[in-house]
């Protein structure tokens, strides 16, 4: 079952971009890169439509992938 777009928008508006990416990965069976690109595309569309402050769209966390450990690290 595809992820509800409105719920993703709500997560993005709350600054919970990482959670939106995780949700897409789980529900839509996407890889990290594809899920991140989809969330960023939605975020961009929200800014263009005036649904999201551009300043909020630029804030966030840097995600690093450790290929050697296969883990995901978040740097705030």
PDB file of N, CA and C in Angstrom:
ATOM      1  N   UNK A   1       0.841  -1.175   0.000  1.00  0.00           N
ATOM      2  CA  UNK A   1       0.000   0.000   0.000  1.00  0.00           C
ATOM      3  C   UNK A   1       0.891   1.244   0.000  1.00  0.00           C
ATOM      4  N   UNK A   2       0.724   2.149  -0.976  1.00  0.00           N
ATOM      5  CA  UNK A   2       1.542   3.351  -1.032  1.00  0.00           C
ATOM      6  C   UNK A   2       1.319   4.256   0.184  1.00  0.00           C
ATOM      7  N   UNK A   3       2.333   5.026   0.494  1.00  0.00           N
ATOM      8  CA  UNK A   3       2.291   5.927   1.629  1.00  0.00           C
ATOM      9  C   UNK A   3       1.368   7.111   1.328  1.00  0.00           C
ATOM     10  N   UNK A   4       0.579   7.508   2.316  1.00  0.00           N
ATOM     11  CA  UNK A   4      -0.324   8.643   2.186  1.00  0.00           C
ATOM     12  C   UNK A   4       0.485   9.934   2.048  1.00  0.00           C
ATOM     13  N   UNK A   5       0.278  10.656   0.949  1.00  0.00           N
ATOM     14  CA  UNK A   5       1.044  11.869   0.668  1.00  0.00           C
ATOM     15  C   UNK A   5       0.804  12.955   1.715  1.00  0.00           C
ATOM     16  N   UNK A   6      -0.412  13.081   2.197  1.00  0.00           N
ATOM     17  CA  UNK A   6      -0.703  14.119   3.188  1.00  0.00           C
ATOM     18  C   UNK A   6       0.071  13.866   4.477  1.00  0.00           C
ATOM     19  N   UNK A   7       0.198  12.609   4.883  1.00  0.00           N
ATOM     20  CA  UNK A   7       0.969  12.292   6.091  1.00  0.00           C
ATOM     21  C   UNK A   7       2.436  12.657   5.886  1.00  0.00           C
ATOM     22  N   UNK A   8       2.967  12.385   4.700  1.00  0.00           N
ATOM     23  CA  UNK A   8       4.350  12.767   4.399  1.00  0.00           C
ATOM     24  C   UNK A   8       4.515  14.287   4.465  1.00  0.00           C
ATOM     25  N   UNK A   9       3.541  15.019   3.920  1.00  0.00           N
ATOM     26  CA  UNK A   9       3.592  16.478   3.973  1.00  0.00           C
ATOM     27  C   UNK A   9       3.585  16.967   5.420  1.00  0.00           C
ATOM     28  N   UNK A  10       2.768  16.342   6.245  1.00  0.00           N
ATOM     29  CA  UNK A  10       2.721  16.726   7.659  1.00  0.00           C
ATOM     30  C   UNK A  10       4.069  16.516   8.338  1.00  0.00           C
ATOM     31  N   UNK A  11       4.715  15.384   8.046  1.00  0.00           N
ATOM     32  CA  UNK A  11       6.035  15.117   8.617  1.00  0.00           C
ATOM     33  C   UNK A  11       7.043  16.177   8.165  1.00  0.00           C
ATOM     34  N   UNK A  12       7.002  16.514   6.888  1.00  0.00           N
ATOM     35  CA  UNK A  12       7.929  17.510   6.344  1.00  0.00           C
ATOM     36  C   UNK A  12       7.686  18.868   6.998  1.00  0.00           C
ATOM     37  N   UNK A  13       6.413  19.265   7.144  1.00  0.00           N
ATOM     38  CA  UNK A  13       6.079  20.544   7.769  1.00  0.00           C
ATOM     39  C   UNK A  13       6.572  20.611   9.209  1.00  0.00           C
ATOM     40  N   UNK A  14       6.615  19.461   9.883  1.00  0.00           N
ATOM     41  CA  UNK A  14       7.061  19.395  11.275  1.00  0.00           C
ATOM     42  C   UNK A  14       8.582  19.279  11.378  1.00  0.00           C
ATOM     43  N   UNK A  15       9.264  19.290  10.234  1.00  0.00           N
ATOM     44  CA  UNK A  15      10.720  19.177  10.245  1.00  0.00           C
ATOM     45  C   UNK A  15      11.198  17.755  10.476  1.00  0.00           C
ATOM     46  N   UNK A  16      10.342  16.780  10.228  1.00  0.00           N
ATOM     47  CA  UNK A  16      10.661  15.365  10.478  1.00  0.00           C
ATOM     48  C   UNK A  16      10.948  14.641   9.154  1.00  0.00           C
ATOM     49  N   UNK A  17      11.869  15.213   8.396  1.00  0.00           N
ATOM     50  CA  UNK A  17      12.222  14.699   7.067  1.00  0.00           C
ATOM     51  C   UNK A  17      12.788  13.275   7.138  1.00  0.00           C
ATOM     52  N   UNK A  18      13.609  13.012   8.127  1.00  0.00           N
ATOM     53  CA  UNK A  18      14.199  11.676   8.275  1.00  0.00           C
ATOM     54  C   UNK A  18      13.101  10.632   8.482  1.00  0.00           C
ATOM     55  N   UNK A  19      12.102  10.968   9.293  1.00  0.00           N
ATOM     56  CA  UNK A  19      10.992  10.040   9.517  1.00  0.00           C
ATOM     57  C   UNK A  19      10.209   9.796   8.233  1.00  0.00           C
ATOM     58  N   UNK A  20      10.035  10.841   7.424  1.00  0.00           N
ATOM     59  CA  UNK A  20       9.339  10.699   6.147  1.00  0.00           C
ATOM     60  C   UNK A  20      10.112   9.753   5.227  1.00  0.00           C
ATOM     61  N   UNK A  21      11.423   9.879   5.217  1.00  0.00           N
ATOM     62  CA  UNK A  21      12.264   8.992   4.395  1.00  0.00           C
ATOM     63  C   UNK A  21      12.150   7.555   4.884  1.00  0.00           C
ATOM     64  N   UNK A  22      12.225   7.368   6.193  1.00  0.00           N
ATOM     65  CA  UNK A  22      12.106   6.013   6.757  1.00  0.00           C
ATOM     66  C   UNK A  22      10.755   5.401   6.422  1.00  0.00           C
ATOM     67  N   UNK A  23       9.702   6.208   6.520  1.00  0.00           N
ATOM     68  CA  UNK A  23       8.360   5.713   6.228  1.00  0.00           C
ATOM     69  C   UNK A  23       8.250   5.262   4.775  1.00  0.00           C
ATOM     70  N   UNK A  24       8.761   6.062   3.866  1.00  0.00           N
ATOM     71  CA  UNK A  24       8.733   5.686   2.449  1.00  0.00           C
ATOM     72  C   UNK A  24       9.517   4.402   2.197  1.00  0.00           C
ATOM     73  N   UNK A  25      10.646   4.276   2.864  1.00  0.00           N
ATOM     74  CA  UNK A  25      11.459   3.067   2.682  1.00  0.00           C
ATOM     75  C   UNK A  25      10.697   1.827   3.120  1.00  0.00           C
ATOM     76  N   UNK A  26      10.006   1.930   4.252  1.00  0.00           N
ATOM     77  CA  UNK A  26       9.262   0.782   4.778  1.00  0.00           C
ATOM     78  C   UNK A  26       8.005   0.481   3.973  1.00  0.00           C
ATOM     79  N   UNK A  27       7.177   1.505   3.766  1.00  0.00           N
ATOM     80  CA  UNK A  27       5.858   1.301   3.154  1.00  0.00           C
ATOM     81  C   UNK A  27       5.918   1.079   1.643  1.00  0.00           C
ATOM     82  N   UNK A  28       6.809   1.802   0.960  1.00  0.00           N
ATOM     83  CA  UNK A  28       6.864   1.715  -0.497  1.00  0.00           C
ATOM     84  C   UNK A  28       8.029   0.867  -0.993  1.00  0.00           C
ATOM     85  N   UNK A  29       8.773   0.279  -0.037  1.00  0.00           N
ATOM     86  CA  UNK A  29       9.890  -0.608  -0.372  1.00  0.00           C
ATOM     87  C   UNK A  29      10.913   0.091  -1.275  1.00  0.00           C
ATOM     88  N   UNK A  30      11.289   1.323  -0.889  1.00  0.00           N
ATOM     89  CA  UNK A  30      12.270   2.088  -1.655  1.00  0.00           C
ATOM     90  C   UNK A  30      13.625   2.033  -0.981  1.00  0.00           C
ATOM     91  N   UNK A  31      14.651   2.212  -1.773  1.00  0.00           N
ATOM     92  CA  UNK A  31      15.988   2.341  -1.223  1.00  0.00           C
ATOM     93  C   UNK A  31      16.156   3.729  -0.621  1.00  0.00           C
ATOM     94  N   UNK A  32      17.234   3.915   0.114  1.00  0.00           N
ATOM     95  CA  UNK A  32      17.485   5.182   0.787  1.00  0.00           C
ATOM     96  C   UNK A  32      17.546   6.345  -0.205  1.00  0.00           C
ATOM     97  N   UNK A  33      18.287   6.180  -1.280  1.00  0.00           N
ATOM     98  CA  UNK A  33      18.447   7.246  -2.267  1.00  0.00           C
ATOM     99  C   UNK A  33      17.106   7.626  -2.887  1.00  0.00           C
ATOM    100  N   UNK A  34      16.324   6.635  -3.297  1.00  0.00           N
ATOM    101  CA  UNK A  34      15.033   6.908  -3.932  1.00  0.00           C
ATOM    102  C   UNK A  34      14.054   7.559  -2.968  1.00  0.00           C
ATOM    103  N   UNK A  35      14.027   7.092  -1.737  1.00  0.00           N
ATOM    104  CA  UNK A  35      13.119   7.670  -0.742  1.00  0.00           C
ATOM    105  C   UNK A  35      13.514   9.112  -0.437  1.00  0.00           C
ATOM    106  N   UNK A  36      14.814   9.360  -0.296  1.00  0.00           N
ATOM    107  CA  UNK A  36      15.296  10.719  -0.011  1.00  0.00           C
ATOM    108  C   UNK A  36      14.946  11.655  -1.163  1.00  0.00           C
ATOM    109  N   UNK A  37      15.146  11.202  -2.398  1.00  0.00           N
ATOM    110  CA  UNK A  37      14.832  12.029  -3.563  1.00  0.00           C
ATOM    111  C   UNK A  37      13.333  12.324  -3.634  1.00  0.00           C
ATOM    112  N   UNK A  38      12.510  11.340  -3.317  1.00  0.00           N
ATOM    113  CA  UNK A  38      11.056  11.533  -3.355  1.00  0.00           C
ATOM    114  C   UNK A  38      10.617  12.546  -2.296  1.00  0.00           C
ATOM    115  N   UNK A  39      11.176  12.460  -1.097  1.00  0.00           N
ATOM    116  CA  UNK A  39      10.838  13.400  -0.029  1.00  0.00           C
ATOM    117  C   UNK A  39      11.311  14.807  -0.401  1.00  0.00           C
ATOM    118  N   UNK A  40      12.503  14.920  -0.954  1.00  0.00           N
ATOM    119  CA  UNK A  40      13.021  16.230  -1.340  1.00  0.00           C
ATOM    120  C   UNK A  40      12.216  16.832  -2.489  1.00  0.00           C
ATOM    121  N   UNK A  41      11.750  15.991  -3.400  1.00  0.00           N
ATOM    122  CA  UNK A  41      10.899  16.467  -4.493  1.00  0.00           C
ATOM    123  C   UNK A  41       9.567  16.989  -3.945  1.00  0.00           C
ATOM    124  N   UNK A  42       8.965  16.233  -3.039  1.00  0.00           N
ATOM    125  CA  UNK A  42       7.715  16.657  -2.418  1.00  0.00           C
ATOM    126  C   UNK A  42       7.924  17.960  -1.649  1.00  0.00           C
ATOM    127  N   UNK A  43       9.034  18.044  -0.937  1.00  0.00           N
ATOM    128  CA  UNK A  43       9.368  19.251  -0.177  1.00  0.00           C
ATOM    129  C   UNK A  43       9.490  20.458  -1.118  1.00  0.00           C
ATOM    130  N   UNK A  44      10.131  20.289  -2.238  1.00  0.00           N
ATOM    131  CA  UNK A  44      10.283  21.350  -3.219  1.00  0.00           C
ATOM    132  C   UNK A  44       8.932  21.790  -3.783  1.00  0.00           C
ATOM    133  N   UNK A  45       8.070  20.841  -4.087  1.00  0.00           N
ATOM    134  CA  UNK A  45       6.733  21.152  -4.583  1.00  0.00           C
ATOM    135  C   UNK A  45       5.922  21.909  -3.536  1.00  0.00           C
ATOM    136  N   UNK A  46       6.103  21.536  -2.270  1.00  0.00           N
ATOM    137  CA  UNK A  46       5.399  22.221  -1.187  1.00  0.00           C
ATOM    138  C   UNK A  46       5.855  23.677  -1.079  1.00  0.00           C
ATOM    139  N   UNK A  47       7.150  23.925  -1.270  1.00  0.00           N
ATOM    140  CA  UNK A  47       7.676  25.300  -1.222  1.00  0.00           C
ATOM    141  C   UNK A  47       7.092  26.098  -2.389  1.00  0.00           C
ATOM    142  N   UNK A  48       7.093  25.510  -3.585  1.00  0.00           N
ATOM    143  CA  UNK A  48       6.570  26.194  -4.767  1.00  0.00           C
ATOM    144  C   UNK A  48       5.087  26.523  -4.619  1.00  0.00           C
ATOM    145  N   UNK A  49       4.343  25.643  -3.951  1.00  0.00           N
ATOM    146  CA  UNK A  49       2.904  25.838  -3.769  1.00  0.00           C
ATOM    147  C   UNK A  49       2.593  26.748  -2.578  1.00  0.00           C
ATOM    148  N   UNK A  50       3.615  27.178  -1.865  1.00  0.00           N
ATOM    149  CA  UNK A  50       3.415  28.037  -0.706  1.00  0.00           C
ATOM    150  C   UNK A  50       2.943  27.300   0.533  1.00  0.00           C
ATOM    151  N   UNK A  51       3.080  25.978   0.534  1.00  0.00           N
ATOM    152  CA  UNK A  51       2.663  25.161   1.674  1.00  0.00           C
ATOM    153  C   UNK A  51       3.753  25.034   2.734  1.00  0.00           C
ATOM    154  N   UNK A  52       4.978  25.445   2.386  1.00  0.00           N
ATOM    155  CA  UNK A  52       6.114  25.270   3.278  1.00  0.00           C
ATOM    156  C   UNK A  52       7.050  26.463   3.156  1.00  0.00           C
ATOM    157  N   UNK A  53       7.506  26.953   4.284  1.00  0.00           N
ATOM    158  CA  UNK A  53       8.464  28.059   4.317  1.00  0.00           C
ATOM    159  C   UNK A  53       9.797  27.559   3.739  1.00  0.00           C
ATOM    160  N   UNK A  54      10.347  28.272   2.763  1.00  0.00           N
ATOM    161  CA  UNK A  54      11.622  27.848   2.167  1.00  0.00           C
ATOM    162  C   UNK A  54      12.742  27.692   3.189  1.00  0.00           C
ATOM    163  N   UNK A  55      12.693  28.469   4.272  1.00  0.00           N
ATOM    164  CA  UNK A  55      13.725  28.354   5.309  1.00  0.00           C
ATOM    165  C   UNK A  55      13.658  26.994   5.984  1.00  0.00           C
ATOM    166  N   UNK A  56      12.454  26.494   6.192  1.00  0.00           N
ATOM    167  CA  UNK A  56      12.290  25.180   6.806  1.00  0.00           C
ATOM    168  C   UNK A  56      12.797  24.084   5.870  1.00  0.00           C
ATOM    169  N   UNK A  57      12.594  24.279   4.587  1.00  0.00           N
ATOM    170  CA  UNK A  57      13.021  23.282   3.603  1.00  0.00           C
ATOM    171  C   UNK A  57      14.541  23.146   3.569  1.00  0.00           C
ATOM    172  N   UNK A  58      15.254  24.217   3.910  1.00  0.00           N
ATOM    173  CA  UNK A  58      16.717  24.164   3.871  1.00  0.00           C
ATOM    174  C   UNK A  58      17.321  23.612   5.144  1.00  0.00           C
ATOM    175  N   UNK A  59      16.533  23.605   6.218  1.00  0.00           N
ATOM    176  CA  UNK A  59      17.070  23.074   7.469  1.00  0.00           C
ATOM    177  C   UNK A  59      16.903  21.563   7.486  1.00  0.00           C
ATOM    178  N   UNK A  60      17.631  20.919   8.321  1.00  0.00           N
ATOM    179  CA  UNK A  60      17.517  19.473   8.414  1.00  0.00           C
ATOM    180  C   UNK A  60      18.811  18.852   8.879  1.00  0.00           C
ATOM    181  N   UNK A  61      18.872  17.573   8.751  1.00  0.00           N
ATOM    182  CA  UNK A  61      20.026  16.811   9.205  1.00  0.00           C
ATOM    183  C   UNK A  61      20.829  16.329   8.015  1.00  0.00           C
ATOM    184  N   UNK A  62      22.093  16.134   8.248  1.00  0.00           N
ATOM    185  CA  UNK A  62      22.934  15.532   7.237  1.00  0.00           C
ATOM    186  C   UNK A  62      22.964  14.033   7.513  1.00  0.00           C
ATOM    187  N   UNK A  63      22.700  13.263   6.483  1.00  0.00           N
ATOM    188  CA  UNK A  63      22.659  11.816   6.646  1.00  0.00           C
ATOM    189  C   UNK A  63      23.926  11.229   6.042  1.00  0.00           C
ATOM    190  N   UNK A  64      24.605  10.450   6.823  1.00  0.00           N
ATOM    191  CA  UNK A  64      25.804   9.771   6.354  1.00  0.00           C
ATOM    192  C   UNK A  64      25.552   8.272   6.335  1.00  0.00           C
ATOM    193  N   UNK A  65      25.990   7.624   5.295  1.00  0.00           N
ATOM    194  CA  UNK A  65      25.832   6.178   5.209  1.00  0.00           C
ATOM    195  C   UNK A  65      27.203   5.537   5.350  1.00  0.00           C
ATOM    196  N   UNK A  66      27.306   4.668   6.297  1.00  0.00           N
ATOM    197  CA  UNK A  66      28.549   3.943   6.478  1.00  0.00           C
ATOM    198  C   UNK A  66      28.426   2.607   5.774  1.00  0.00           C
ATOM    199  N   UNK A  67      29.057   2.494   4.624  1.00  0.00           N
ATOM    200  CA  UNK A  67      28.947   1.270   3.850  1.00  0.00           C
ATOM    201  C   UNK A  67      29.668   0.108   4.535  1.00  0.00           C
ATOM    202  N   UNK A  68      30.742   0.410   5.203  1.00  0.00           N
ATOM    203  CA  UNK A  68      31.503  -0.641   5.880  1.00  0.00           C
ATOM    204  C   UNK A  68      30.712  -1.291   6.995  1.00  0.00           C
ATOM    205  N   UNK A  69      29.978  -0.514   7.749  1.00  0.00           N
ATOM    206  CA  UNK A  69      29.203  -1.035   8.864  1.00  0.00           C
ATOM    207  C   UNK A  69      27.760  -1.319   8.476  1.00  0.00           C
ATOM    208  N   UNK A  70      27.327  -0.791   7.333  1.00  0.00           N
ATOM    209  CA  UNK A  70      25.951  -0.995   6.907  1.00  0.00           C
ATOM    210  C   UNK A  70      24.959  -0.251   7.785  1.00  0.00           C
ATOM    211  N   UNK A  71      25.447   0.722   8.536  1.00  0.00           N
ATOM    212  CA  UNK A  71      24.563   1.448   9.463  1.00  0.00           C
ATOM    213  C   UNK A  71      24.242   2.824   8.940  1.00  0.00           C
ATOM    214  N   UNK A  72      23.326   3.469   9.616  1.00  0.00           N
ATOM    215  CA  UNK A  72      22.926   4.816   9.268  1.00  0.00           C
ATOM    216  C   UNK A  72      23.233   5.720  10.436  1.00  0.00           C
ATOM    217  N   UNK A  73      23.966   6.785  10.188  1.00  0.00           N
ATOM    218  CA  UNK A  73      24.337   7.716  11.245  1.00  0.00           C
ATOM    219  C   UNK A  73      23.719   9.079  10.951  1.00  0.00           C
ATOM    220  N   UNK A  74      23.202   9.717  11.947  1.00  0.00           N
ATOM    221  CA  UNK A  74      22.622  11.038  11.806  1.00  0.00           C
ATOM    222  C   UNK A  74      23.521  12.040  12.508  1.00  0.00           C
ATOM    223  N   UNK A  75      23.810  13.127  11.838  1.00  0.00           N
ATOM    224  CA  UNK A  75      24.639  14.171  12.412  1.00  0.00           C
ATOM    225  C   UNK A  75      23.784  15.427  12.495  1.00  0.00           C
ATOM    226  N   UNK A  76      23.621  15.971  13.695  1.00  0.00           N
ATOM    227  CA  UNK A  76      22.804  17.158  13.864  1.00  0.00           C
ATOM    228  C   UNK A  76      23.685  18.368  13.984  1.00  0.00           C
TER     229      UNK A  76
END
